[in-house]
């Protein structure tokens, strides 16, 4: 007598309601960084998801240097220009901007990360899409009044201002004013209205 072959019953895939992605907090993200998980990697946190940018090419690095030098020339005592350092805008977001200008002095944030900034600048080549959409929404929701995206490929500066809440229930905000400036244009930060920067000076 041959043994019967038992066929397992069909298994339905789990529903989206039954399976949820884990959202890392900014505190957990920092702890993972302290343990060396991101050594040599360009990781950042958006809505609890840990994302990674590719290796920094020379063009991007040059843009970061030029932006930070230009802003240091404008913002003096009472402000700190922080290049590629954490900005913990809420419990689930640490977008690690290329540059953030924060009010205070270099010792004002000892033992903690700033949660807001007077100006945030992202230097964009391969990351332009996410900088214009997802990061823009996070910065607007955090109330960052002045957000700039330096588009290296398009050779322009995109300026986002006037954050305002989206329709009730979405729990997010968006910038109501968006402008594009060419290399021959000059732009003044909201926090330094009496000073201006030639866009071409920011571009490598």
C-alpha atoms as a PDB file:
ATOM      1  CA  UNK A   1       0.000   0.000   0.000  1.00  0.00           C
ATOM      2  CA  UNK A   2       1.545   3.309  -1.036  1.00  0.00           C
ATOM      3  CA  UNK A   3       1.621   6.254   1.311  1.00  0.00           C
ATOM      4  CA  UNK A   4      -0.763   9.081   0.543  1.00  0.00           C
ATOM      5  CA  UNK A   5       0.791  12.407  -0.434  1.00  0.00           C
ATOM      6  CA  UNK A   6      -0.502  15.158   1.760  1.00  0.00           C
ATOM      7  CA  UNK A   7      -1.028  18.397  -0.088  1.00  0.00           C
ATOM      8  CA  UNK A   8      -0.890  21.468   2.131  1.00  0.00           C
ATOM      9  CA  UNK A   9      -3.844  23.805   1.894  1.00  0.00           C
ATOM     10  CA  UNK A  10      -3.320  26.946  -0.185  1.00  0.00           C
ATOM     11  CA  UNK A  11      -1.892  29.817   1.802  1.00  0.00           C
ATOM     12  CA  UNK A  12      -3.100  33.300   1.039  1.00  0.00           C
ATOM     13  CA  UNK A  13      -0.493  36.067   1.228  1.00  0.00           C
ATOM     14  CA  UNK A  14      -0.848  38.281   4.296  1.00  0.00           C
ATOM     15  CA  UNK A  15      -2.917  41.389   3.804  1.00  0.00           C
ATOM     16  CA  UNK A  16      -1.382  44.847   3.973  1.00  0.00           C
ATOM     17  CA  UNK A  17      -3.314  45.374   7.201  1.00  0.00           C
ATOM     18  CA  UNK A  18      -1.601  42.361   8.789  1.00  0.00           C
ATOM     19  CA  UNK A  19       1.948  43.304   7.766  1.00  0.00           C
ATOM     20  CA  UNK A  20       3.398  46.700   8.578  1.00  0.00           C
ATOM     21  CA  UNK A  21       6.869  48.122   8.031  1.00  0.00           C
ATOM     22  CA  UNK A  22       8.736  49.010  11.198  1.00  0.00           C
ATOM     23  CA  UNK A  23       9.315  52.734  11.658  1.00  0.00           C
ATOM     24  CA  UNK A  24      12.645  53.602  13.229  1.00  0.00           C
ATOM     25  CA  UNK A  25      12.689  56.591  15.519  1.00  0.00           C
ATOM     26  CA  UNK A  26      15.312  59.296  15.242  1.00  0.00           C
ATOM     27  CA  UNK A  27      16.691  58.114  18.599  1.00  0.00           C
ATOM     28  CA  UNK A  28      17.068  54.549  17.300  1.00  0.00           C
ATOM     29  CA  UNK A  29      18.682  55.892  14.133  1.00  0.00           C
ATOM     30  CA  UNK A  30      21.240  57.764  16.252  1.00  0.00           C
ATOM     31  CA  UNK A  31      21.931  54.673  18.360  1.00  0.00           C
ATOM     32  CA  UNK A  32      22.533  52.593  15.235  1.00  0.00           C
ATOM     33  CA  UNK A  33      24.942  55.234  13.997  1.00  0.00           C
ATOM     34  CA  UNK A  34      26.772  55.160  17.343  1.00  0.00           C
ATOM     35  CA  UNK A  35      27.200  51.399  16.910  1.00  0.00           C
ATOM     36  CA  UNK A  36      28.859  51.936  13.539  1.00  0.00           C
ATOM     37  CA  UNK A  37      26.045  50.622  11.363  1.00  0.00           C
ATOM     38  CA  UNK A  38      26.423  53.486   8.909  1.00  0.00           C
ATOM     39  CA  UNK A  39      30.204  53.756   8.890  1.00  0.00           C
ATOM     40  CA  UNK A  40      31.300  55.114   5.514  1.00  0.00           C
ATOM     41  CA  UNK A  41      27.694  55.324   4.319  1.00  0.00           C
ATOM     42  CA  UNK A  42      25.431  58.332   3.701  1.00  0.00           C
ATOM     43  CA  UNK A  43      22.317  57.289   5.587  1.00  0.00           C
ATOM     44  CA  UNK A  44      19.359  59.477   6.556  1.00  0.00           C
ATOM     45  CA  UNK A  45      15.925  58.909   8.105  1.00  0.00           C
ATOM     46  CA  UNK A  46      12.618  59.810   6.421  1.00  0.00           C
ATOM     47  CA  UNK A  47       9.300  58.862   8.021  1.00  0.00           C
ATOM     48  CA  UNK A  48      10.996  56.100   9.976  1.00  0.00           C
ATOM     49  CA  UNK A  49      12.636  54.552   6.889  1.00  0.00           C
ATOM     50  CA  UNK A  50      16.421  54.449   6.705  1.00  0.00           C
ATOM     51  CA  UNK A  51      17.581  55.494   3.241  1.00  0.00           C
ATOM     52  CA  UNK A  52      21.047  55.690   1.753  1.00  0.00           C
ATOM     53  CA  UNK A  53      22.522  57.993  -0.839  1.00  0.00           C
ATOM     54  CA  UNK A  54      25.227  56.760  -3.160  1.00  0.00           C
ATOM     55  CA  UNK A  55      28.890  57.758  -2.855  1.00  0.00           C
ATOM     56  CA  UNK A  56      29.467  61.510  -3.022  1.00  0.00           C
ATOM     57  CA  UNK A  57      30.928  62.538  -6.355  1.00  0.00           C
ATOM     58  CA  UNK A  58      33.344  65.489  -6.674  1.00  0.00           C
ATOM     59  CA  UNK A  59      30.668  67.787  -8.142  1.00  0.00           C
ATOM     60  CA  UNK A  60      28.391  67.275  -5.142  1.00  0.00           C
ATOM     61  CA  UNK A  61      31.265  67.750  -2.704  1.00  0.00           C
ATOM     62  CA  UNK A  62      32.276  70.984  -4.442  1.00  0.00           C
ATOM     63  CA  UNK A  63      28.696  72.261  -4.192  1.00  0.00           C
ATOM     64  CA  UNK A  64      28.547  71.516  -0.469  1.00  0.00           C
ATOM     65  CA  UNK A  65      31.807  73.397   0.124  1.00  0.00           C
ATOM     66  CA  UNK A  66      30.688  76.430  -1.911  1.00  0.00           C
ATOM     67  CA  UNK A  67      27.286  76.629  -0.197  1.00  0.00           C
ATOM     68  CA  UNK A  68      28.772  76.426   3.275  1.00  0.00           C
ATOM     69  CA  UNK A  69      31.466  79.007   2.534  1.00  0.00           C
ATOM     70  CA  UNK A  70      28.890  81.427   1.094  1.00  0.00           C
ATOM     71  CA  UNK A  71      26.591  81.073   4.085  1.00  0.00           C
ATOM     72  CA  UNK A  72      29.406  81.459   6.607  1.00  0.00           C
ATOM     73  CA  UNK A  73      30.270  84.758   4.941  1.00  0.00           C
ATOM     74  CA  UNK A  74      26.720  86.012   5.572  1.00  0.00           C
ATOM     75  CA  UNK A  75      25.756  84.533   8.924  1.00  0.00           C
ATOM     76  CA  UNK A  76      27.919  85.750  11.761  1.00  0.00           C
ATOM     77  CA  UNK A  77      27.501  85.811  15.523  1.00  0.00           C
ATOM     78  CA  UNK A  78      24.201  84.321  16.625  1.00  0.00           C
ATOM     79  CA  UNK A  79      24.111  81.628  13.941  1.00  0.00           C
ATOM     80  CA  UNK A  80      25.880  78.338  13.288  1.00  0.00           C
ATOM     81  CA  UNK A  81      26.345  76.885   9.787  1.00  0.00           C
ATOM     82  CA  UNK A  82      26.193  73.087  10.121  1.00  0.00           C
ATOM     83  CA  UNK A  83      27.329  71.050   7.082  1.00  0.00           C
ATOM     84  CA  UNK A  84      25.929  67.525   6.669  1.00  0.00           C
ATOM     85  CA  UNK A  85      24.995  67.121  10.328  1.00  0.00           C
ATOM     86  CA  UNK A  86      21.805  65.782  11.924  1.00  0.00           C
ATOM     87  CA  UNK A  87      18.643  67.889  12.024  1.00  0.00           C
ATOM     88  CA  UNK A  88      16.031  65.973  13.997  1.00  0.00           C
ATOM     89  CA  UNK A  89      12.881  67.671  12.724  1.00  0.00           C
ATOM     90  CA  UNK A  90      10.573  65.211  14.524  1.00  0.00           C
ATOM     91  CA  UNK A  91      10.545  61.766  16.136  1.00  0.00           C
ATOM     92  CA  UNK A  92      10.793  59.894  12.821  1.00  0.00           C
ATOM     93  CA  UNK A  93      12.813  62.223  10.594  1.00  0.00           C
ATOM     94  CA  UNK A  94      16.495  63.079  10.506  1.00  0.00           C
ATOM     95  CA  UNK A  95      17.094  64.089   6.867  1.00  0.00           C
ATOM     96  CA  UNK A  96      20.792  65.009   7.348  1.00  0.00           C
ATOM     97  CA  UNK A  97      20.737  68.176   5.201  1.00  0.00           C
ATOM     98  CA  UNK A  98      23.793  69.252   3.242  1.00  0.00           C
ATOM     99  CA  UNK A  99      23.668  72.541   5.125  1.00  0.00           C
ATOM    100  CA  UNK A 100      21.561  73.937   7.944  1.00  0.00           C
ATOM    101  CA  UNK A 101      21.852  77.403   9.454  1.00  0.00           C
ATOM    102  CA  UNK A 102      20.640  77.339  13.056  1.00  0.00           C
ATOM    103  CA  UNK A 103      20.235  80.161  15.533  1.00  0.00           C
ATOM    104  CA  UNK A 104      22.575  80.026  18.508  1.00  0.00           C
ATOM    105  CA  UNK A 105      26.257  79.377  19.057  1.00  0.00           C
ATOM    106  CA  UNK A 106      28.463  76.298  18.545  1.00  0.00           C
ATOM    107  CA  UNK A 107      27.848  75.137  22.133  1.00  0.00           C
ATOM    108  CA  UNK A 108      24.075  75.607  22.084  1.00  0.00           C
ATOM    109  CA  UNK A 109      23.355  72.014  21.042  1.00  0.00           C
ATOM    110  CA  UNK A 110      25.858  70.047  23.090  1.00  0.00           C
ATOM    111  CA  UNK A 111      24.435  66.582  23.743  1.00  0.00           C
ATOM    112  CA  UNK A 112      21.467  66.994  21.400  1.00  0.00           C
ATOM    113  CA  UNK A 113      20.574  67.687  17.792  1.00  0.00           C
ATOM    114  CA  UNK A 114      18.788  70.863  16.665  1.00  0.00           C
ATOM    115  CA  UNK A 115      15.156  70.408  15.693  1.00  0.00           C
ATOM    116  CA  UNK A 116      14.744  73.467  13.482  1.00  0.00           C
ATOM    117  CA  UNK A 117      16.795  75.815  11.315  1.00  0.00           C
ATOM    118  CA  UNK A 118      16.638  79.290   9.852  1.00  0.00           C
ATOM    119  CA  UNK A 119      17.710  77.935   6.466  1.00  0.00           C
ATOM    120  CA  UNK A 120      18.189  74.442   5.032  1.00  0.00           C
ATOM    121  CA  UNK A 121      20.048  73.783   1.773  1.00  0.00           C
ATOM    122  CA  UNK A 122      20.226  70.480  -0.121  1.00  0.00           C
ATOM    123  CA  UNK A 123      22.819  70.096  -2.878  1.00  0.00           C
ATOM    124  CA  UNK A 124      21.204  67.924  -5.538  1.00  0.00           C
ATOM    125  CA  UNK A 125      22.364  65.875  -8.469  1.00  0.00           C
ATOM    126  CA  UNK A 126      21.027  62.300  -8.320  1.00  0.00           C
ATOM    127  CA  UNK A 127      18.783  63.200  -5.341  1.00  0.00           C
ATOM    128  CA  UNK A 128      16.868  66.063  -6.973  1.00  0.00           C
ATOM    129  CA  UNK A 129      13.499  64.256  -7.067  1.00  0.00           C
ATOM    130  CA  UNK A 130      13.477  63.351  -3.375  1.00  0.00           C
ATOM    131  CA  UNK A 131      14.833  66.780  -2.355  1.00  0.00           C
ATOM    132  CA  UNK A 132      12.002  68.525  -4.236  1.00  0.00           C
ATOM    133  CA  UNK A 133       9.245  66.288  -2.878  1.00  0.00           C
ATOM    134  CA  UNK A 134       9.728  64.117   0.204  1.00  0.00           C
ATOM    135  CA  UNK A 135      12.371  66.224   1.910  1.00  0.00           C
ATOM    136  CA  UNK A 136      10.530  69.432   1.014  1.00  0.00           C
ATOM    137  CA  UNK A 137       7.408  68.072   2.716  1.00  0.00           C
ATOM    138  CA  UNK A 138       9.322  67.089   5.867  1.00  0.00           C
ATOM    139  CA  UNK A 139      10.991  70.487   6.126  1.00  0.00           C
ATOM    140  CA  UNK A 140       7.703  72.309   5.494  1.00  0.00           C
ATOM    141  CA  UNK A 141       5.944  70.201   8.136  1.00  0.00           C
ATOM    142  CA  UNK A 142       8.746  71.041  10.567  1.00  0.00           C
ATOM    143  CA  UNK A 143       8.120  74.739   9.922  1.00  0.00           C
ATOM    144  CA  UNK A 144      11.439  75.463   8.183  1.00  0.00           C
ATOM    145  CA  UNK A 145      10.623  78.834   6.616  1.00  0.00           C
ATOM    146  CA  UNK A 146      13.472  78.920   4.080  1.00  0.00           C
ATOM    147  CA  UNK A 147      14.451  75.791   2.100  1.00  0.00           C
ATOM    148  CA  UNK A 148      16.836  75.834  -0.870  1.00  0.00           C
ATOM    149  CA  UNK A 149      17.666  73.109  -3.372  1.00  0.00           C
ATOM    150  CA  UNK A 150      20.813  73.680  -5.418  1.00  0.00           C
ATOM    151  CA  UNK A 151      20.211  71.802  -8.663  1.00  0.00           C
ATOM    152  CA  UNK A 152      23.702  71.025  -9.956  1.00  0.00           C
ATOM    153  CA  UNK A 153      22.523  69.415 -13.190  1.00  0.00           C
ATOM    154  CA  UNK A 154      19.998  72.125 -14.089  1.00  0.00           C
ATOM    155  CA  UNK A 155      22.356  74.843 -12.784  1.00  0.00           C
ATOM    156  CA  UNK A 156      19.679  76.667 -10.848  1.00  0.00           C
ATOM    157  CA  UNK A 157      18.636  77.356  -7.273  1.00  0.00           C
ATOM    158  CA  UNK A 158      15.127  76.351  -6.204  1.00  0.00           C
ATOM    159  CA  UNK A 159      13.797  78.345  -3.248  1.00  0.00           C
ATOM    160  CA  UNK A 160      10.847  77.108  -1.179  1.00  0.00           C
ATOM    161  CA  UNK A 161       9.101  79.373   1.324  1.00  0.00           C
ATOM    162  CA  UNK A 162       5.865  79.940   3.233  1.00  0.00           C
ATOM    163  CA  UNK A 163       5.102  76.471   4.653  1.00  0.00           C
ATOM    164  CA  UNK A 164       1.401  75.859   5.281  1.00  0.00           C
ATOM    165  CA  UNK A 165      -0.617  72.832   6.431  1.00  0.00           C
ATOM    166  CA  UNK A 166      -2.165  70.591   3.800  1.00  0.00           C
ATOM    167  CA  UNK A 167      -5.900  69.722   4.047  1.00  0.00           C
ATOM    168  CA  UNK A 168      -7.047  68.497   7.459  1.00  0.00           C
ATOM    169  CA  UNK A 169      -6.236  64.862   8.167  1.00  0.00           C
ATOM    170  CA  UNK A 170      -3.000  64.601   6.189  1.00  0.00           C
ATOM    171  CA  UNK A 171      -0.838  65.819   9.057  1.00  0.00           C
ATOM    172  CA  UNK A 172       1.681  67.453   6.735  1.00  0.00           C
ATOM    173  CA  UNK A 173       2.557  70.811   5.222  1.00  0.00           C
ATOM    174  CA  UNK A 174       3.817  72.108   1.889  1.00  0.00           C
ATOM    175  CA  UNK A 175       5.545  75.246   0.657  1.00  0.00           C
ATOM    176  CA  UNK A 176       3.185  77.715  -0.982  1.00  0.00           C
ATOM    177  CA  UNK A 177       5.947  79.749  -2.656  1.00  0.00           C
ATOM    178  CA  UNK A 178       8.432  78.105  -5.012  1.00  0.00           C
ATOM    179  CA  UNK A 179      10.879  80.034  -7.196  1.00  0.00           C
ATOM    180  CA  UNK A 180      13.736  79.084  -9.522  1.00  0.00           C
ATOM    181  CA  UNK A 181      16.803  81.312  -9.831  1.00  0.00           C
ATOM    182  CA  UNK A 182      19.472  81.259 -12.547  1.00  0.00           C
ATOM    183  CA  UNK A 183      23.240  81.648 -12.000  1.00  0.00           C
ATOM    184  CA  UNK A 184      23.014  85.412 -12.676  1.00  0.00           C
ATOM    185  CA  UNK A 185      20.321  85.974 -10.025  1.00  0.00           C
ATOM    186  CA  UNK A 186      20.936  86.993  -6.426  1.00  0.00           C
ATOM    187  CA  UNK A 187      19.026  85.573  -3.444  1.00  0.00           C
ATOM    188  CA  UNK A 188      18.767  86.798   0.148  1.00  0.00           C
ATOM    189  CA  UNK A 189      18.087  84.349   2.993  1.00  0.00           C
ATOM    190  CA  UNK A 190      15.014  85.236   5.028  1.00  0.00           C
ATOM    191  CA  UNK A 191      17.155  85.305   8.171  1.00  0.00           C
ATOM    192  CA  UNK A 192      19.694  87.667   6.552  1.00  0.00           C
ATOM    193  CA  UNK A 193      17.572  89.957   4.332  1.00  0.00           C
ATOM    194  CA  UNK A 194      20.270  92.621   3.997  1.00  0.00           C
ATOM    195  CA  UNK A 195      22.742  90.207   2.433  1.00  0.00           C
ATOM    196  CA  UNK A 196      22.550  88.452  -0.908  1.00  0.00           C
ATOM    197  CA  UNK A 197      24.276  85.569  -2.656  1.00  0.00           C
ATOM    198  CA  UNK A 198      24.958  85.272  -6.363  1.00  0.00           C
ATOM    199  CA  UNK A 199      23.558  81.872  -7.385  1.00  0.00           C
ATOM    200  CA  UNK A 200      26.530  81.321  -9.686  1.00  0.00           C
ATOM    201  CA  UNK A 201      28.834  81.499  -6.659  1.00  0.00           C
ATOM    202  CA  UNK A 202      27.107  78.417  -5.227  1.00  0.00           C
ATOM    203  CA  UNK A 203      27.505  76.343  -8.386  1.00  0.00           C
ATOM    204  CA  UNK A 204      30.764  74.444  -9.070  1.00  0.00           C
END
